[in-house]
Amino acid sequence: MKRITTRLRHLAAGRQRGFTLIELLVGTAISGVIVTLIVTILFQASTNTTYQRGNLGSLDESRRVVLALTWDLQPAKTTSLADGATSSLAGGNTFTINTTDPVTGGTHTTVYSLSGTNLMRTYDGTAGVVGRYVTAISFSRAGSVYSVTATSAADGTASAATSTWKVAQRTV
């Protein structure tokens, strides 16, 4: 028995230690699959982040439009929109709001228009951009309640946000 054990040790000592070609190929294949999965997960996370960032930008632009129009529509005395009518700012159309200053009694005119994807607000002749990346905006009126629907796609992304809200004129 001692002779067999010594002989096996001799044979084992004479062998070179290392990996066979098949073991190396299997290890490389497994590593390749793992790297591919990791890269795919990172790419999807990056794409999702970009999409969400664009969506948040769209919502932010919609919120700015809501605030500006609410600020102007609540104290409005008259507008260019007749009761029961619907209007859109597409094709060079404008939306006009007339207000009266409660302190001085002076009349102010605010005109909204769409210039490309910029929502422009002209207050008593002074123009400014209220919202960017606005792709569509429409108004409808039922008595003293206005419904406004705005769509924006921030920074040219595919994710667009559409919001509809109602603004009631304040009665004094």
Protein backbone atom coordinates (compact mmCIF):
# COMPACT_ATOMS: atom_id res chain seq x y z
CA MET A 1 0.00 0.00 0.00
CA LYS A 2 2.82 2.32 0.85
CA ARG A 3 4.35 1.66 -2.52
CA ILE A 4 1.14 2.70 -4.40
CA THR A 5 0.80 5.90 -2.41
CA THR A 6 4.39 6.85 -3.11
CA ARG A 7 3.91 6.13 -6.78
CA LEU A 8 0.73 8.29 -6.96
CA ARG A 9 2.56 11.15 -5.27
CA HIS A 10 5.30 10.79 -7.79
CA LEU A 11 2.86 10.91 -10.68
CA ALA A 12 0.99 13.89 -9.20
CA ALA A 13 4.25 15.77 -8.63
CA GLY A 14 5.27 15.20 -12.23
CA ARG A 15 2.05 16.72 -13.58
CA GLN A 16 1.96 20.41 -14.42
CA ARG A 17 -0.56 22.43 -12.51
CA GLY A 18 -2.97 24.82 -14.34
CA PHE A 19 -6.21 24.98 -16.28
CA THR A 20 -7.18 23.05 -19.34
CA LEU A 21 -8.25 24.83 -22.51
CA ILE A 22 -11.87 23.82 -21.94
CA GLU A 23 -11.85 25.27 -18.43
CA LEU A 24 -10.47 28.56 -19.76
CA LEU A 25 -13.11 28.73 -22.53
CA VAL A 26 -15.95 28.03 -20.10
CA GLY A 27 -14.65 30.70 -17.72
CA THR A 28 -14.33 33.22 -20.54
CA ALA A 29 -17.88 32.46 -21.77
CA ILE A 30 -19.33 32.90 -18.27
CA SER A 31 -17.42 36.16 -17.81
CA GLY A 32 -18.71 37.40 -21.19
CA VAL A 33 -22.32 36.69 -20.25
CA ILE A 34 -21.93 38.49 -16.92
CA VAL A 35 -20.30 41.55 -18.54
CA THR A 36 -23.05 41.66 -21.20
CA LEU A 37 -25.76 41.59 -18.51
CA ILE A 38 -24.06 44.36 -16.53
CA VAL A 39 -23.64 46.59 -19.60
CA THR A 40 -27.29 46.02 -20.59
CA ILE A 41 -28.52 46.96 -17.11
CA LEU A 42 -26.37 50.12 -17.06
CA PHE A 43 -27.58 51.14 -20.53
CA GLN A 44 -31.23 50.69 -19.53
CA ALA A 45 -30.70 52.69 -16.35
CA SER A 46 -29.07 55.49 -18.32
CA THR A 47 -31.87 55.53 -20.91
CA ASN A 48 -34.52 55.54 -18.18
CA THR A 49 -32.79 58.43 -16.41
CA THR A 50 -32.70 60.46 -19.62
CA TYR A 51 -36.39 59.75 -20.26
CA GLN A 52 -37.37 60.72 -16.71
CA ARG A 53 -35.28 63.90 -16.85
CA GLY A 54 -37.07 64.88 -20.06
CA ASN A 55 -40.44 64.09 -18.55
CA LEU A 56 -39.69 66.21 -15.47
CA GLY A 57 -38.59 69.05 -17.71
CA SER A 58 -41.85 68.80 -19.65
CA LEU A 59 -43.86 68.89 -16.43
CA ASP A 60 -41.86 71.86 -15.20
CA GLU A 61 -42.55 73.79 -18.41
CA SER A 62 -46.26 72.95 -18.16
CA ARG A 63 -46.28 74.21 -14.57
CA ARG A 64 -44.76 77.54 -15.64
CA VAL A 65 -47.42 77.96 -18.31
CA VAL A 66 -50.16 77.16 -15.77
CA LEU A 67 -48.88 79.77 -13.34
CA ALA A 68 -48.57 82.52 -15.94
CA LEU A 69 -52.00 81.95 -17.45
CA THR A 70 -53.68 81.61 -14.05
CA TRP A 71 -52.06 84.86 -12.95
CA ASP A 72 -53.52 86.63 -16.00
CA LEU A 73 -56.92 84.90 -16.34
CA GLN A 74 -58.16 85.21 -12.76
CA PRO A 75 -58.43 89.02 -12.75
CA ALA A 76 -59.43 89.22 -16.46
CA LYS A 77 -62.23 91.63 -17.36
CA THR A 78 -62.46 90.51 -20.99
CA THR A 79 -60.69 88.09 -23.32
CA SER A 80 -60.60 87.43 -27.04
CA LEU A 81 -62.45 84.15 -26.45
CA ALA A 82 -66.25 84.25 -26.61
CA ASP A 83 -68.36 82.25 -24.16
CA GLY A 84 -68.67 78.63 -25.37
CA ALA A 85 -65.82 79.03 -27.86
CA THR A 86 -62.56 77.11 -28.25
CA SER A 87 -59.29 78.50 -29.60
CA SER A 88 -55.76 77.29 -30.25
CA LEU A 89 -52.53 79.23 -30.55
CA ALA A 90 -51.52 77.20 -33.61
CA GLY A 91 -51.05 78.93 -36.95
CA GLY A 92 -50.20 82.37 -35.60
CA ASN A 93 -53.38 82.78 -33.52
CA THR A 94 -53.21 84.85 -30.35
CA PHE A 95 -55.13 84.93 -27.09
CA THR A 96 -55.77 88.38 -25.58
CA ILE A 97 -56.62 89.14 -21.94
CA ASN A 98 -57.67 92.59 -20.72
CA THR A 99 -57.40 93.46 -17.03
CA THR A 100 -58.02 96.54 -14.93
CA ASP A 101 -55.54 97.57 -12.26
CA PRO A 102 -57.51 97.76 -8.98
CA VAL A 103 -55.28 100.53 -7.62
CA THR A 104 -54.91 102.90 -10.58
CA GLY A 105 -57.93 101.82 -12.63
CA GLY A 106 -55.71 101.56 -15.70
CA THR A 107 -56.35 98.92 -18.36
CA HIS A 108 -53.67 96.38 -19.22
CA THR A 109 -53.51 94.07 -22.21
CA THR A 110 -51.77 90.69 -22.20
CA VAL A 111 -51.37 88.76 -25.46
CA TYR A 112 -50.28 85.13 -25.61
CA SER A 113 -48.85 83.65 -28.80
CA LEU A 114 -46.83 80.63 -29.84
CA SER A 115 -43.51 81.35 -31.57
CA GLY A 116 -42.09 78.01 -32.64
CA THR A 117 -42.10 76.12 -29.33
CA ASN A 118 -41.89 79.24 -27.16
CA LEU A 119 -45.05 80.51 -25.48
CA MET A 120 -44.75 84.28 -25.66
CA ARG A 121 -46.49 86.69 -23.28
CA THR A 122 -46.71 90.32 -24.28
CA TYR A 123 -47.83 92.55 -21.40
CA ASP A 124 -48.60 96.14 -22.40
CA GLY A 125 -46.19 95.84 -25.35
CA THR A 126 -43.34 94.14 -23.47
CA ALA A 127 -42.73 90.59 -24.72
CA GLY A 128 -41.23 87.69 -22.82
CA VAL A 129 -41.06 83.91 -22.96
CA VAL A 130 -43.38 82.22 -20.46
CA GLY A 131 -42.79 78.60 -21.46
CA ARG A 132 -40.33 76.75 -23.66
CA TYR A 133 -40.87 73.57 -25.68
CA VAL A 134 -44.64 74.17 -25.78
CA THR A 135 -45.86 72.15 -28.75
CA ALA A 136 -49.59 72.90 -28.46
CA ILE A 137 -51.91 75.04 -26.36
CA SER A 138 -55.66 75.53 -26.58
CA PHE A 139 -58.32 77.43 -24.64
CA SER A 140 -62.04 77.01 -24.13
CA ARG A 141 -64.50 79.11 -22.17
CA ALA A 142 -67.73 78.31 -20.35
CA GLY A 143 -68.98 81.46 -18.62
CA SER A 144 -66.26 82.68 -16.29
CA VAL A 145 -64.35 79.38 -16.32
CA TYR A 146 -61.51 78.83 -18.78
CA SER A 147 -60.07 75.42 -19.63
CA VAL A 148 -56.49 75.42 -20.86
CA THR A 149 -54.69 72.41 -22.34
CA ALA A 150 -50.94 72.66 -22.93
CA THR A 151 -48.49 70.10 -24.27
CA SER A 152 -44.73 70.46 -23.90
CA ALA A 153 -41.77 68.26 -24.78
CA ALA A 154 -38.75 69.51 -22.87
CA ASP A 155 -35.44 69.83 -24.65
CA GLY A 156 -36.72 68.06 -27.75
CA THR A 157 -37.17 64.74 -25.96
CA ALA A 158 -39.79 62.24 -26.99
CA SER A 159 -41.47 62.39 -23.60
CA ALA A 160 -44.22 65.00 -23.77
CA ALA A 161 -46.39 66.20 -20.92
CA THR A 162 -49.96 67.32 -21.52
CA SER A 163 -51.85 69.07 -18.78
CA THR A 164 -55.35 70.46 -18.64
CA TRP A 165 -56.54 72.82 -15.97
CA LYS A 166 -59.43 75.16 -15.28
CA VAL A 167 -59.14 78.78 -14.21
CA ALA A 168 -62.09 80.71 -12.81
CA GLN A 169 -62.23 84.48 -13.16
CA ARG A 170 -62.37 86.30 -9.86
CA THR A 171 -65.44 88.42 -9.39
CA VAL A 172 -64.95 91.65 -7.50
